[in-house]
């Protein structure tokens, strides 16, 4: 996702709210989005879009790009962060920490680092152990959200997904084709198995 994708999403939100944007607005909102990361900024716009009725109030930069975007409470943002970390563990595994960083955002990554790093999260042997670690994360993330919002903590932006290396596609060999005789023989074996179980 790029700045252009962000501008399209912001324009759609402004149109939804009946708000007109000028060049200064795009620059101001763009700075807030860059600090949060393009992917996270677009997700924030989507959340606000879903919660705002047509013609509703257009959010300020702070409302839109706070560390818990979309006007969520710290508790809701902490729950959302737990879900994003859980999803990143499943979809990225320990081999793709850069992609996981992009998924969880800067606050999520800070909490992950505070708890031993990405490898610790991916090496939990059972789902229950991962969940108990995530409960601890939820409690810590509420504090970090407050520190970032109050300006006590400044976090670097998460990498954008577009800047991450893409996996190469691998062509799989074609499965061997069975002759008609081989197919008939296998079918006969299966039918014989069913006769035994009757």
Protein backbone atom coordinates (compact mmCIF):
# COMPACT_ATOMS: atom_id res chain seq x y z
CA UNK A 1 0.00 0.00 0.00
CA UNK A 2 1.24 3.42 -0.90
CA UNK A 3 0.53 7.06 -0.29
CA UNK A 4 -1.74 6.99 -3.35
CA UNK A 5 -3.84 4.19 -1.83
CA UNK A 6 -4.06 6.21 1.38
CA UNK A 7 -5.19 9.32 -0.54
CA UNK A 8 -7.94 7.30 -2.25
CA UNK A 9 -9.16 5.91 1.08
CA UNK A 10 -9.10 9.36 2.72
CA UNK A 11 -11.00 10.85 -0.24
CA UNK A 12 -13.63 8.10 0.03
CA UNK A 13 -14.06 8.80 3.76
CA UNK A 14 -14.34 12.55 3.12
CA UNK A 15 -16.96 11.95 0.42
CA UNK A 16 -18.85 9.61 2.80
CA UNK A 17 -18.89 12.33 5.47
CA UNK A 18 -19.73 15.12 3.03
CA UNK A 19 -16.38 16.81 3.70
CA UNK A 20 -14.17 18.54 1.11
CA UNK A 21 -10.40 18.10 1.38
CA UNK A 22 -7.80 20.64 0.21
CA UNK A 23 -4.06 20.19 -0.40
CA UNK A 24 -3.20 21.17 3.18
CA UNK A 25 -5.59 18.49 4.50
CA UNK A 26 -3.92 15.82 2.37
CA UNK A 27 -0.50 16.92 3.61
CA UNK A 28 -1.56 17.03 7.26
CA UNK A 29 -3.39 13.69 7.20
CA UNK A 30 -0.53 12.21 5.14
CA UNK A 31 1.98 13.06 7.90
CA UNK A 32 -0.19 11.31 10.47
CA UNK A 33 -0.61 8.30 8.20
CA UNK A 34 3.12 8.06 7.47
CA UNK A 35 3.87 7.97 11.20
CA UNK A 36 1.38 5.13 11.67
CA UNK A 37 2.32 3.27 8.48
CA UNK A 38 0.28 3.25 5.26
CA UNK A 39 -1.31 -0.14 5.89
CA UNK A 40 -2.38 0.73 9.44
CA UNK A 41 -3.60 4.17 8.32
CA UNK A 42 -5.82 2.66 5.63
CA UNK A 43 -7.17 0.15 8.16
CA UNK A 44 -7.94 3.06 10.50
CA UNK A 45 -9.84 4.83 7.72
CA UNK A 46 -11.82 1.65 7.01
CA UNK A 47 -12.76 1.28 10.68
CA UNK A 48 -13.93 4.90 10.89
CA UNK A 49 -15.82 4.55 7.60
CA UNK A 50 -17.72 1.53 8.92
CA UNK A 51 -18.60 3.30 12.20
CA UNK A 52 -19.60 6.66 10.66
CA UNK A 53 -23.01 7.20 9.12
CA UNK A 54 -23.26 8.99 5.79
CA UNK A 55 -22.91 12.71 6.34
CA UNK A 56 -21.37 12.13 9.77
CA UNK A 57 -18.56 14.14 11.29
CA UNK A 58 -15.18 13.88 9.54
CA UNK A 59 -12.51 12.85 12.08
CA UNK A 60 -9.54 15.00 13.04
CA UNK A 61 -5.99 13.78 12.39
CA UNK A 62 -5.66 12.82 16.06
CA UNK A 63 -8.95 10.90 16.06
CA UNK A 64 -8.08 9.08 12.87
CA UNK A 65 -4.42 8.27 13.46
CA UNK A 66 -4.06 7.85 17.18
CA UNK A 67 -2.31 4.60 18.08
CA UNK A 68 -5.71 3.08 18.66
CA UNK A 69 -7.39 4.29 15.45
CA UNK A 70 -11.07 4.49 14.76
CA UNK A 71 -11.99 6.03 18.07
CA UNK A 72 -11.52 2.74 19.94
CA UNK A 73 -11.00 2.76 23.67
CA UNK A 74 -7.67 1.49 24.97
CA UNK A 75 -9.40 -1.77 25.94
CA UNK A 76 -10.85 -2.24 22.44
CA UNK A 77 -7.51 -1.39 20.85
CA UNK A 78 -5.76 -3.90 23.14
CA UNK A 79 -8.25 -6.62 22.12
CA UNK A 80 -7.73 -5.72 18.46
CA UNK A 81 -3.97 -5.92 18.96
CA UNK A 82 -4.28 -9.38 20.54
CA UNK A 83 -6.24 -10.55 17.49
CA UNK A 84 -3.66 -9.11 15.08
CA UNK A 85 -0.78 -10.78 16.95
CA UNK A 86 -2.63 -14.12 17.02
CA UNK A 87 -3.27 -13.80 13.28
CA UNK A 88 0.35 -12.89 12.58
CA UNK A 89 1.64 -15.90 14.53
CA UNK A 90 -0.54 -18.20 12.45
CA UNK A 91 -0.01 -16.58 9.05
CA UNK A 92 3.65 -15.49 9.30
CA UNK A 93 5.30 -17.93 11.66
CA UNK A 94 8.81 -17.36 12.89
CA UNK A 95 10.27 -17.08 9.36
CA UNK A 96 8.54 -13.82 8.39
CA UNK A 97 9.07 -11.35 11.24
CA UNK A 98 9.05 -8.32 8.88
CA UNK A 99 5.59 -9.26 7.59
CA UNK A 100 4.41 -9.83 11.17
CA UNK A 101 5.72 -6.37 12.13
CA UNK A 102 3.67 -4.85 9.32
CA UNK A 103 0.58 -6.75 10.49
CA UNK A 104 0.77 -5.86 14.19
CA UNK A 105 1.95 -2.26 13.82
CA UNK A 106 4.40 -0.28 15.95
CA UNK A 107 2.62 -0.67 19.30
CA UNK A 108 2.20 -4.41 18.77
CA UNK A 109 5.84 -4.80 17.85
CA UNK A 110 6.94 -2.84 20.93
CA UNK A 111 4.91 -5.19 23.14
CA UNK A 112 6.34 -8.22 21.34
CA UNK A 113 9.88 -6.94 21.93
CA UNK A 114 9.08 -6.34 25.61
CA UNK A 115 8.08 -10.01 25.94
CA UNK A 116 11.15 -11.62 24.43
CA UNK A 117 10.70 -10.99 20.72
CA UNK A 118 8.91 -12.60 17.82
CA UNK A 119 10.56 -16.01 18.27
CA UNK A 120 9.06 -16.33 21.77
CA UNK A 121 5.55 -15.81 20.43
CA UNK A 122 6.05 -18.32 17.63
CA UNK A 123 7.61 -20.96 19.86
CA UNK A 124 4.66 -21.38 22.24
CA UNK A 125 3.97 -25.14 22.10
CA UNK A 126 0.24 -24.93 22.75
CA UNK A 127 -2.54 -22.52 21.92
CA UNK A 128 -3.33 -22.15 25.64
CA UNK A 129 0.21 -20.96 26.38
CA UNK A 130 0.03 -18.45 23.53
CA UNK A 131 -3.31 -17.19 24.87
CA UNK A 132 -1.89 -16.65 28.37
CA UNK A 133 0.97 -14.67 26.82
CA UNK A 134 -1.54 -12.62 24.82
CA UNK A 135 -3.48 -11.74 27.99
CA UNK A 136 -0.24 -10.31 29.37
CA UNK A 137 0.22 -8.44 26.06
CA UNK A 138 -3.26 -6.93 26.34
CA UNK A 139 -2.42 -5.46 29.75
CA UNK A 140 0.91 -4.04 28.56
CA UNK A 141 -0.53 -2.64 25.33
CA UNK A 142 -3.09 -0.52 27.20
CA UNK A 143 -0.19 1.20 28.98
CA UNK A 144 1.76 1.69 25.73
CA UNK A 145 -1.29 3.12 23.96
CA UNK A 146 -1.58 5.71 26.74
CA UNK A 147 2.15 6.55 26.61
CA UNK A 148 2.10 7.06 22.84
CA UNK A 149 -1.11 9.11 22.97
CA UNK A 150 0.35 11.33 25.72
CA UNK A 151 3.63 11.81 23.81
CA UNK A 152 5.75 9.98 26.39
CA UNK A 153 6.78 7.31 23.87
CA UNK A 154 7.54 7.69 20.16
CA UNK A 155 7.60 4.52 18.07
CA UNK A 156 9.08 4.06 14.60
CA UNK A 157 6.50 3.22 11.93
CA UNK A 158 5.96 -0.39 10.93
CA UNK A 159 7.27 -1.44 7.50
CA UNK A 160 4.70 -1.30 4.74
CA UNK A 161 3.64 -4.63 3.24
CA UNK A 162 4.63 -3.38 -0.21
CA UNK A 163 8.28 -3.03 0.90
CA UNK A 164 8.47 -6.64 2.09
CA UNK A 165 10.03 -9.34 -0.10
CA UNK A 166 7.45 -11.44 -1.91
CA UNK A 167 7.57 -15.22 -1.90
CA UNK A 168 8.55 -16.87 -5.17
CA UNK A 169 5.99 -19.11 -6.78
CA UNK A 170 7.10 -22.67 -7.35
CA UNK A 171 5.75 -24.83 -10.13
CA UNK A 172 4.75 -28.25 -8.83
CA UNK A 173 5.41 -31.30 -11.01
CA UNK A 174 2.39 -32.66 -12.78
CA UNK A 175 0.86 -35.75 -11.17
CA UNK A 176 1.38 -38.97 -13.16
CA UNK A 177 -1.63 -39.91 -15.25
CA UNK A 178 -3.18 -43.35 -14.76
CA UNK A 179 -3.95 -45.52 -17.74
CA UNK A 180 -7.48 -46.82 -18.13
CA UNK A 181 -6.34 -50.31 -17.03
CA UNK A 182 -4.66 -48.95 -13.87
CA UNK A 183 -7.74 -46.92 -13.02
CA UNK A 184 -10.01 -50.00 -13.43
CA UNK A 185 -7.65 -52.09 -11.26
CA UNK A 186 -7.68 -49.51 -8.43
CA UNK A 187 -11.46 -49.21 -8.62
CA UNK A 188 -11.80 -53.01 -8.37
CA UNK A 189 -9.55 -53.03 -5.25
CA UNK A 190 -11.69 -50.37 -3.58
CA UNK A 191 -14.89 -52.28 -4.40
CA UNK A 192 -13.37 -55.45 -2.89
CA UNK A 193 -12.53 -53.54 0.30
CA UNK A 194 -16.16 -52.49 0.66
CA UNK A 195 -17.30 -56.10 0.20
CA UNK A 196 -15.13 -57.14 3.15
CA UNK A 197 -16.78 -54.58 5.46
CA UNK A 198 -20.37 -55.57 4.65
